[in-house]
PDB file of N, CA and C in Angstrom:
ATOM      1  N   MET A   1      12.229  -3.342 -43.874  1.00  0.00           N
ATOM      2  CA  MET A   1      11.738  -3.927 -42.696  1.00  0.00           C
ATOM      3  C   MET A   1      11.624  -2.838 -41.612  1.00  0.00           C
ATOM      4  N   LYS A   2      12.683  -2.009 -41.339  1.00  0.00           N
ATOM      5  CA  LYS A   2      12.620  -1.069 -40.263  1.00  0.00           C
ATOM      6  C   LYS A   2      11.648   0.016 -40.674  1.00  0.00           C
ATOM      7  N   LYS A   3      11.561   0.343 -41.943  1.00  0.00           N
ATOM      8  CA  LYS A   3      10.612   1.378 -42.381  1.00  0.00           C
ATOM      9  C   LYS A   3       9.149   0.940 -42.097  1.00  0.00           C
ATOM     10  N   ALA A   4       8.855  -0.342 -42.373  1.00  0.00           N
ATOM     11  CA  ALA A   4       7.545  -0.867 -42.177  1.00  0.00           C
ATOM     12  C   ALA A   4       7.192  -0.916 -40.667  1.00  0.00           C
ATOM     13  N   LEU A   5       8.124  -1.256 -39.847  1.00  0.00           N
ATOM     14  CA  LEU A   5       7.916  -1.249 -38.434  1.00  0.00           C
ATOM     15  C   LEU A   5       7.664   0.206 -37.819  1.00  0.00           C
ATOM     16  N   LYS A   6       8.377   1.189 -38.381  1.00  0.00           N
ATOM     17  CA  LYS A   6       8.253   2.501 -37.952  1.00  0.00           C
ATOM     18  C   LYS A   6       6.911   3.065 -38.356  1.00  0.00           C
ATOM     19  N   ARG A   7       6.525   2.707 -39.650  1.00  0.00           N
ATOM     20  CA  ARG A   7       5.237   3.235 -40.054  1.00  0.00           C
ATOM     21  C   ARG A   7       4.155   2.599 -39.338  1.00  0.00           C
ATOM     22  N   SER A   8       4.157   1.264 -38.963  1.00  0.00           N
ATOM     23  CA  SER A   8       3.104   0.588 -38.135  1.00  0.00           C
ATOM     24  C   SER A   8       3.078   1.065 -36.759  1.00  0.00           C
ATOM     25  N   GLY A   9       4.270   1.487 -36.191  1.00  0.00           N
ATOM     26  CA  GLY A   9       4.276   2.092 -34.888  1.00  0.00           C
ATOM     27  C   GLY A   9       3.637   3.555 -34.914  1.00  0.00           C
ATOM     28  N   ILE A  10       3.861   4.252 -35.939  1.00  0.00           N
ATOM     29  CA  ILE A  10       3.296   5.583 -36.001  1.00  0.00           C
ATOM     30  C   ILE A  10       1.819   5.461 -36.179  1.00  0.00           C
ATOM     31  N   ILE A  11       1.231   4.463 -36.924  1.00  0.00           N
ATOM     32  CA  ILE A  11      -0.165   4.260 -37.184  1.00  0.00           C
ATOM     33  C   ILE A  11      -0.825   3.830 -35.874  1.00  0.00           C
ATOM     34  N   LEU A  12      -0.136   2.963 -35.036  1.00  0.00           N
ATOM     35  CA  LEU A  12      -0.704   2.545 -33.803  1.00  0.00           C
ATOM     36  C   LEU A  12      -0.725   3.732 -32.755  1.00  0.00           C
ATOM     37  N   LEU A  13       0.271   4.580 -32.726  1.00  0.00           N
ATOM     38  CA  LEU A  13       0.168   5.717 -31.868  1.00  0.00           C
ATOM     39  C   LEU A  13      -0.861   6.704 -32.256  1.00  0.00           C
ATOM     40  N   LEU A  14      -1.036   6.937 -33.561  1.00  0.00           N
ATOM     41  CA  LEU A  14      -2.103   7.752 -34.036  1.00  0.00           C
ATOM     42  C   LEU A  14      -3.448   7.225 -33.715  1.00  0.00           C
ATOM     43  N   ALA A  15      -3.638   5.914 -33.887  1.00  0.00           N
ATOM     44  CA  ALA A  15      -4.895   5.235 -33.536  1.00  0.00           C
ATOM     45  C   ALA A  15      -5.180   5.343 -32.025  1.00  0.00           C
ATOM     46  N   ALA A  16      -4.162   5.170 -31.148  1.00  0.00           N
ATOM     47  CA  ALA A  16      -4.344   5.285 -29.704  1.00  0.00           C
ATOM     48  C   ALA A  16      -4.712   6.689 -29.416  1.00  0.00           C
ATOM     49  N   TYR A  17      -4.087   7.690 -30.050  1.00  0.00           N
ATOM     50  CA  TYR A  17      -4.324   9.084 -29.759  1.00  0.00           C
ATOM     51  C   TYR A  17      -5.755   9.446 -30.079  1.00  0.00           C
ATOM     52  N   LEU A  18      -6.258   8.941 -31.265  1.00  0.00           N
ATOM     53  CA  LEU A  18      -7.547   9.257 -31.739  1.00  0.00           C
ATOM     54  C   LEU A  18      -8.641   8.516 -30.795  1.00  0.00           C
ATOM     55  N   MET A  19      -8.341   7.396 -30.364  1.00  0.00           N
ATOM     56  CA  MET A  19      -9.242   6.685 -29.460  1.00  0.00           C
ATOM     57  C   MET A  19      -9.420   7.322 -28.113  1.00  0.00           C
ATOM     58  N   ILE A  20      -8.214   7.863 -27.576  1.00  0.00           N
ATOM     59  CA  ILE A  20      -8.273   8.434 -26.251  1.00  0.00           C
ATOM     60  C   ILE A  20      -8.841   9.896 -26.307  1.00  0.00           C
ATOM     61  N   PHE A  21      -8.375  10.730 -27.168  1.00  0.00           N
ATOM     62  CA  PHE A  21      -8.676  12.097 -27.079  1.00  0.00           C
ATOM     63  C   PHE A  21      -9.853  12.554 -27.959  1.00  0.00           C
ATOM     64  N   THR A  22     -10.358  11.680 -28.801  1.00  0.00           N
ATOM     65  CA  THR A  22     -11.605  12.070 -29.526  1.00  0.00           C
ATOM     66  C   THR A  22     -12.794  11.287 -29.055  1.00  0.00           C
ATOM     67  N   MET A  23     -12.845  10.683 -27.925  1.00  0.00           N
ATOM     68  CA  MET A  23     -13.859  10.007 -27.332  1.00  0.00           C
ATOM     69  C   MET A  23     -15.010  10.908 -26.983  1.00  0.00           C
ATOM     70  N   PRO A  24     -16.234  10.671 -27.257  1.00  0.00           N
ATOM     71  CA  PRO A  24     -17.273  11.544 -26.753  1.00  0.00           C
ATOM     72  C   PRO A  24     -17.523  11.447 -25.342  1.00  0.00           C
ATOM     73  N   ALA A  25     -18.000  12.488 -24.677  1.00  0.00           N
ATOM     74  CA  ALA A  25     -18.335  12.498 -23.223  1.00  0.00           C
ATOM     75  C   ALA A  25     -19.374  11.496 -22.947  1.00  0.00           C
ATOM     76  N   ALA A  26     -19.300  10.688 -21.887  1.00  0.00           N
ATOM     77  CA  ALA A  26     -20.314   9.748 -21.573  1.00  0.00           C
ATOM     78  C   ALA A  26     -21.078  10.331 -20.408  1.00  0.00           C
ATOM     79  N   HIS A  27     -22.380  10.614 -20.616  1.00  0.00           N
ATOM     80  CA  HIS A  27     -23.245  10.994 -19.508  1.00  0.00           C
ATOM     81  C   HIS A  27     -23.905   9.788 -19.006  1.00  0.00           C
ATOM     82  N   ALA A  28     -23.229   9.143 -18.119  1.00  0.00           N
ATOM     83  CA  ALA A  28     -23.607   7.861 -17.683  1.00  0.00           C
ATOM     84  C   ALA A  28     -24.052   7.915 -16.161  1.00  0.00           C
ATOM     85  N   TYR A  29     -24.860   6.867 -15.870  1.00  0.00           N
ATOM     86  CA  TYR A  29     -25.309   6.752 -14.438  1.00  0.00           C
ATOM     87  C   TYR A  29     -24.307   5.937 -13.673  1.00  0.00           C
ATOM     88  N   ILE A  30     -24.006   6.320 -12.484  1.00  0.00           N
ATOM     89  CA  ILE A  30     -23.131   5.569 -11.668  1.00  0.00           C
ATOM     90  C   ILE A  30     -23.959   4.747 -10.749  1.00  0.00           C
ATOM     91  N   ASP A  31     -23.871   3.421 -10.850  1.00  0.00           N
ATOM     92  CA  ASP A  31     -24.538   2.464 -10.049  1.00  0.00           C
ATOM     93  C   ASP A  31     -24.112   2.505  -8.655  1.00  0.00           C
ATOM     94  N   PRO A  32     -25.046   2.430  -7.610  1.00  0.00           N
ATOM     95  CA  PRO A  32     -24.661   2.361  -6.195  1.00  0.00           C
ATOM     96  C   PRO A  32     -23.622   1.294  -5.845  1.00  0.00           C
ATOM     97  N   SER A  33     -23.655   0.199  -6.489  1.00  0.00           N
ATOM     98  CA  SER A  33     -22.729  -0.823  -6.251  1.00  0.00           C
ATOM     99  C   SER A  33     -21.236  -0.404  -6.695  1.00  0.00           C
ATOM    100  N   ALA A  34     -21.283   0.330  -7.710  1.00  0.00           N
ATOM    101  CA  ALA A  34     -19.965   0.866  -8.169  1.00  0.00           C
ATOM    102  C   ALA A  34     -19.413   1.939  -7.192  1.00  0.00           C
ATOM    103  N   THR A  35     -20.333   2.671  -6.702  1.00  0.00           N
ATOM    104  CA  THR A  35     -19.929   3.685  -5.646  1.00  0.00           C
ATOM    105  C   THR A  35     -19.420   3.029  -4.401  1.00  0.00           C
ATOM    106  N   THR A  36     -19.984   1.973  -3.904  1.00  0.00           N
ATOM    107  CA  THR A  36     -19.465   1.256  -2.742  1.00  0.00           C
ATOM    108  C   THR A  36     -18.079   0.591  -3.055  1.00  0.00           C
ATOM    109  N   TYR A  37     -17.999   0.152  -4.282  1.00  0.00           N
ATOM    110  CA  TYR A  37     -16.740  -0.440  -4.706  1.00  0.00           C
ATOM    111  C   TYR A  37     -15.630   0.751  -4.617  1.00  0.00           C
ATOM    112  N   MET A  38     -15.953   1.844  -5.189  1.00  0.00           N
ATOM    113  CA  MET A  38     -14.971   3.022  -5.113  1.00  0.00           C
ATOM    114  C   MET A  38     -14.620   3.354  -3.708  1.00  0.00           C
ATOM    115  N   ILE A  39     -15.613   3.283  -2.776  1.00  0.00           N
ATOM    116  CA  ILE A  39     -15.364   3.643  -1.377  1.00  0.00           C
ATOM    117  C   ILE A  39     -14.469   2.616  -0.865  1.00  0.00           C
ATOM    118  N   GLN A  40     -14.676   1.367  -1.068  1.00  0.00           N
ATOM    119  CA  GLN A  40     -13.780   0.265  -0.653  1.00  0.00           C
ATOM    120  C   GLN A  40     -12.366   0.468  -1.159  1.00  0.00           C
ATOM    121  N   ALA A  41     -12.257   0.810  -2.426  1.00  0.00           N
ATOM    122  CA  ALA A  41     -10.874   1.001  -2.974  1.00  0.00           C
ATOM    123  C   ALA A  41     -10.219   2.156  -2.370  1.00  0.00           C
ATOM    124  N   ILE A  42     -10.863   3.230  -2.099  1.00  0.00           N
ATOM    125  CA  ILE A  42     -10.291   4.409  -1.483  1.00  0.00           C
ATOM    126  C   ILE A  42      -9.872   4.040  -0.053  1.00  0.00           C
ATOM    127  N   ALA A  43     -10.699   3.340   0.720  1.00  0.00           N
ATOM    128  CA  ALA A  43     -10.332   3.003   2.075  1.00  0.00           C
ATOM    129  C   ALA A  43      -9.162   2.077   2.072  1.00  0.00           C
ATOM    130  N   GLY A  44      -9.042   1.150   1.107  1.00  0.00           N
ATOM    131  CA  GLY A  44      -7.860   0.319   1.078  1.00  0.00           C
ATOM    132  C   GLY A  44      -6.626   1.043   0.785  1.00  0.00           C
ATOM    133  N   ILE A  45      -6.744   2.093  -0.111  1.00  0.00           N
ATOM    134  CA  ILE A  45      -5.518   2.928  -0.406  1.00  0.00           C
ATOM    135  C   ILE A  45      -5.186   3.721   0.910  1.00  0.00           C
ATOM    136  N   VAL A  46      -6.128   4.236   1.550  1.00  0.00           N
ATOM    137  CA  VAL A  46      -5.797   5.019   2.791  1.00  0.00           C
ATOM    138  C   VAL A  46      -5.112   4.079   3.805  1.00  0.00           C
ATOM    139  N   ILE A  47      -5.626   2.882   4.062  1.00  0.00           N
ATOM    140  CA  ILE A  47      -5.094   1.967   4.990  1.00  0.00           C
ATOM    141  C   ILE A  47      -3.602   1.568   4.544  1.00  0.00           C
ATOM    142  N   ALA A  48      -3.506   1.327   3.278  1.00  0.00           N
ATOM    143  CA  ALA A  48      -2.092   0.921   2.773  1.00  0.00           C
ATOM    144  C   ALA A  48      -1.077   2.150   3.002  1.00  0.00           C
ATOM    145  N   VAL A  49      -1.497   3.352   2.635  1.00  0.00           N
ATOM    146  CA  VAL A  49      -0.649   4.448   2.867  1.00  0.00           C
ATOM    147  C   VAL A  49      -0.332   4.696   4.377  1.00  0.00           C
ATOM    148  N   GLY A  50      -1.283   4.576   5.190  1.00  0.00           N
ATOM    149  CA  GLY A  50      -1.135   4.671   6.602  1.00  0.00           C
ATOM    150  C   GLY A  50      -0.049   3.620   7.135  1.00  0.00           C
ATOM    151  N   SER A  51      -0.208   2.445   6.598  1.00  0.00           N
ATOM    152  CA  SER A  51       0.624   1.291   7.103  1.00  0.00           C
ATOM    153  C   SER A  51       2.085   1.673   6.665  1.00  0.00           C
ATOM    154  N   VAL A  52       2.293   2.096   5.515  1.00  0.00           N
ATOM    155  CA  VAL A  52       3.615   2.434   4.933  1.00  0.00           C
ATOM    156  C   VAL A  52       4.114   3.589   5.755  1.00  0.00           C
ATOM    157  N   GLY A  53       3.273   4.602   6.037  1.00  0.00           N
ATOM    158  CA  GLY A  53       3.723   5.772   6.860  1.00  0.00           C
ATOM    159  C   GLY A  53       4.189   5.286   8.238  1.00  0.00           C
ATOM    160  N   ILE A  54       3.457   4.421   8.886  1.00  0.00           N
ATOM    161  CA  ILE A  54       3.874   3.879  10.177  1.00  0.00           C
ATOM    162  C   ILE A  54       5.249   3.151  10.149  1.00  0.00           C
ATOM    163  N   ILE A  55       5.431   2.285   9.014  1.00  0.00           N
ATOM    164  CA  ILE A  55       6.658   1.609   8.926  1.00  0.00           C
ATOM    165  C   ILE A  55       7.795   2.586   8.790  1.00  0.00           C
ATOM    166  N   PHE A  56       7.641   3.579   7.895  1.00  0.00           N
ATOM    167  CA  PHE A  56       8.796   4.585   7.732  1.00  0.00           C
ATOM    168  C   PHE A  56       8.928   5.343   9.021  1.00  0.00           C
ATOM    169  N   TRP A  57       7.915   5.714   9.741  1.00  0.00           N
ATOM    170  CA  TRP A  57       8.078   6.427  10.982  1.00  0.00           C
ATOM    171  C   TRP A  57       8.897   5.572  11.977  1.00  0.00           C
ATOM    172  N   ARG A  58       8.607   4.284  12.119  1.00  0.00           N
ATOM    173  CA  ARG A  58       9.308   3.507  13.027  1.00  0.00           C
ATOM    174  C   ARG A  58      10.811   3.337  12.689  1.00  0.00           C
ATOM    175  N   ARG A  59      11.078   3.206  11.296  1.00  0.00           N
ATOM    176  CA  ARG A  59      12.396   3.081  10.868  1.00  0.00           C
ATOM    177  C   ARG A  59      13.157   4.361  11.118  1.00  0.00           C
ATOM    178  N   ALA A  60      12.547   5.522  10.947  1.00  0.00           N
ATOM    179  CA  ALA A  60      13.185   6.859  11.214  1.00  0.00           C
ATOM    180  C   ALA A  60      13.437   6.962  12.661  1.00  0.00           C
ATOM    181  N   LYS A  61      12.468   6.571  13.515  1.00  0.00           N
ATOM    182  CA  LYS A  61      12.651   6.658  14.892  1.00  0.00           C
ATOM    183  C   LYS A  61      13.790   5.747  15.451  1.00  0.00           C
ATOM    184  N   LYS A  62      13.972   4.667  14.819  1.00  0.00           N
ATOM    185  CA  LYS A  62      15.020   3.668  15.208  1.00  0.00           C
ATOM    186  C   LYS A  62      16.432   4.277  14.795  1.00  0.00           C
ATOM    187  N   LYS A  63      16.475   4.853  13.578  1.00  0.00           N
ATOM    188  CA  LYS A  63      17.722   5.454  13.166  1.00  0.00           C
ATOM    189  C   LYS A  63      18.053   6.613  13.989  1.00  0.00           C
ATOM    190  N   LEU A  64      17.101   7.463  14.475  1.00  0.00           N
ATOM    191  CA  LEU A  64      17.320   8.583  15.377  1.00  0.00           C
ATOM    192  C   LEU A  64      17.812   8.071  16.630  1.00  0.00           C
ATOM    193  N   LYS A  65      17.252   6.964  17.171  1.00  0.00           N
ATOM    194  CA  LYS A  65      17.636   6.395  18.380  1.00  0.00           C
ATOM    195  C   LYS A  65      19.091   5.913  18.369  1.00  0.00           C
ATOM    196  N   ASP A  66      19.423   5.300  17.266  1.00  0.00           N
ATOM    197  CA  ASP A  66      20.830   4.768  17.105  1.00  0.00           C
ATOM    198  C   ASP A  66      21.816   5.863  16.947  1.00  0.00           C
ATOM    199  N   LYS A  67      21.481   6.908  16.131  1.00  0.00           N
ATOM    200  CA  LYS A  67      22.424   8.030  15.948  1.00  0.00           C
ATOM    201  C   LYS A  67      22.606   8.983  17.068  1.00  0.00           C
ATOM    202  N   VAL A  68      21.520   9.348  17.660  1.00  0.00           N
ATOM    203  CA  VAL A  68      21.578  10.385  18.671  1.00  0.00           C
ATOM    204  C   VAL A  68      21.623   9.770  20.057  1.00  0.00           C
ATOM    205  N   GLY A  69      21.172   8.564  20.218  1.00  0.00           N
ATOM    206  CA  GLY A  69      21.245   7.963  21.555  1.00  0.00           C
ATOM    207  C   GLY A  69      19.989   8.236  22.358  1.00  0.00           C
ATOM    208  N   ILE A  70      18.861   8.659  21.785  1.00  0.00           N
ATOM    209  CA  ILE A  70      17.664   8.911  22.449  1.00  0.00           C
ATOM    210  C   ILE A  70      16.993   7.606  22.719  1.00  0.00           C
ATOM    211  N   ASP A  71      16.576   7.397  24.011  1.00  0.00           N
ATOM    212  CA  ASP A  71      15.785   6.177  24.264  1.00  0.00           C
ATOM    213  C   ASP A  71      14.346   6.477  24.490  1.00  0.00           C
ATOM    214  N   PHE A  72      13.562   6.055  23.542  1.00  0.00           N
ATOM    215  CA  PHE A  72      12.129   6.292  23.535  1.00  0.00           C
ATOM    216  C   PHE A  72      11.421   5.417  24.524  1.00  0.00           C
ATOM    217  N   ASP A  73      12.033   4.351  24.920  1.00  0.00           N
ATOM    218  CA  ASP A  73      11.365   3.390  25.770  1.00  0.00           C
ATOM    219  C   ASP A  73      11.725   3.527  27.198  1.00  0.00           C
ATOM    220  N   LYS A  74      12.500   4.503  27.669  1.00  0.00           N
ATOM    221  CA  LYS A  74      12.985   4.516  29.000  1.00  0.00           C
ATOM    222  C   LYS A  74      11.928   4.666  30.111  1.00  0.00           C
ATOM    223  N   ASN A  75      10.745   5.252  29.734  1.00  0.00           N
ATOM    224  CA  ASN A  75       9.710   5.340  30.756  1.00  0.00           C
ATOM    225  C   ASN A  75       8.622   4.230  30.683  1.00  0.00           C
ATOM    226  N   LYS A  76       8.854   3.224  29.867  1.00  0.00           N
ATOM    227  CA  LYS A  76       7.913   2.126  29.754  1.00  0.00           C
ATOM    228  C   LYS A  76       8.152   1.073  30.788  1.00  0.00           C
ATOM    229  N   GLU A  77       7.130   0.599  31.347  1.00  0.00           N
ATOM    230  CA  GLU A  77       7.137  -0.456  32.304  1.00  0.00           C
ATOM    231  C   GLU A  77       7.017  -1.748  31.661  1.00  0.00           C
ATOM    232  N   THR A  78       7.767  -2.747  31.951  1.00  0.00           N
ATOM    233  CA  THR A  78       7.609  -4.071  31.371  1.00  0.00           C
ATOM    234  C   THR A  78       7.546  -5.090  32.429  1.00  0.00           C
ATOM    235  N   GLU A  79       6.887  -6.127  32.043  1.00  0.00           N
ATOM    236  CA  GLU A  79       6.628  -7.289  33.031  1.00  0.00           C
ATOM    237  C   GLU A  79       7.554  -8.446  32.547  1.00  0.00           C
ATOM    238  N   GLU A  80       7.916  -9.232  33.558  1.00  0.00           N
ATOM    239  CA  GLU A  80       8.711 -10.371  33.220  1.00  0.00           C
ATOM    240  C   GLU A  80       7.830 -11.449  32.510  1.00  0.00           C
ATOM    241  N   GLU A  81       8.487 -12.249  31.710  1.00  0.00           N
ATOM    242  CA  GLU A  81       7.831 -13.270  31.002  1.00  0.00           C
ATOM    243  C   GLU A  81       7.487 -14.417  31.942  1.00  0.00           C
ATOM    244  N   VAL A  82       6.247 -14.953  31.750  1.00  0.00           N
ATOM    245  CA  VAL A  82       5.761 -15.974  32.646  1.00  0.00           C
ATOM    246  C   VAL A  82       5.852 -17.297  31.747  1.00  0.00           C
ATOM    247  N   VAL A  83       6.543 -18.264  32.239  1.00  0.00           N
ATOM    248  CA  VAL A  83       6.704 -19.494  31.425  1.00  0.00           C
ATOM    249  C   VAL A  83       6.152 -20.676  32.320  1.00  0.00           C
ATOM    250  N   ALA A  84       5.092 -21.320  31.834  1.00  0.00           N
ATOM    251  CA  ALA A  84       4.511 -22.394  32.527  1.00  0.00           C
ATOM    252  C   ALA A  84       5.190 -23.720  32.128  1.00  0.00           C
ATOM    253  N   VAL A  85       5.665 -24.472  33.176  1.00  0.00           N
ATOM    254  CA  VAL A  85       6.331 -25.732  32.806  1.00  0.00           C
ATOM    255  C   VAL A  85       5.551 -26.860  33.573  1.00  0.00           C
ATOM    256  N   LYS A  86       5.056 -27.803  32.724  1.00  0.00           N
ATOM    257  CA  LYS A  86       4.378 -28.885  33.407  1.00  0.00           C
ATOM    258  C   LYS A  86       5.326 -30.041  33.779  1.00  0.00           C
ATOM    259  N   THR A  87       5.117 -30.419  34.909  1.00  0.00           N
ATOM    260  CA  THR A  87       5.950 -31.640  35.367  1.00  0.00           C
ATOM    261  C   THR A  87       5.234 -32.947  34.928  1.00  0.00           C
ATOM    262  N   ASP A  88       5.890 -34.029  35.221  1.00  0.00           N
ATOM    263  CA  ASP A  88       5.328 -35.320  34.838  1.00  0.00           C
ATOM    264  C   ASP A  88       4.112 -35.677  35.596  1.00  0.00           C
ATOM    265  N   ASP A  89       3.993 -35.262  36.780  1.00  0.00           N
ATOM    266  CA  ASP A  89       2.782 -35.469  37.632  1.00  0.00           C
ATOM    267  C   ASP A  89       1.614 -34.690  37.088  1.00  0.00           C
ATOM    268  N   GLU A  90       1.759 -33.508  36.592  1.00  0.00           N
ATOM    269  CA  GLU A  90       0.679 -32.659  36.039  1.00  0.00           C
ATOM    270  C   GLU A  90       0.185 -33.209  34.706  1.00  0.00           C
ATOM    271  N   GLN A  91       1.006 -33.768  33.919  1.00  0.00           N
ATOM    272  CA  GLN A  91       0.585 -34.282  32.654  1.00  0.00           C
ATOM    273  C   GLN A  91      -0.367 -35.436  32.665  1.00  0.00           C
ATOM    274  N   LYS A  92      -0.297 -36.164  33.694  1.00  0.00           N
ATOM    275  CA  LYS A  92      -1.191 -37.443  33.771  1.00  0.00           C
ATOM    276  C   LYS A  92      -2.525 -37.212  34.139  1.00  0.00           C
TER     277      LYS A  92
END
């Protein structure tokens, strides 16, 4: 049984090798719609990598702030929160 599985595995690997590496070159036309699809895929990858980079940058900045004690927000101006509360007279 093991010998048969080993033999079939070798045959499958050989078949995969022959299919991949002995394939003739395709001189094909690239359709414009395929080109726009590739551009969209590349743009999506760039956006995803940029987002991940920003997330890692913020985490590194936070760790640096915690370890070294640097305050990156010391010169930022903040406003007080405004909360509107309706009284019973205003709701009618």
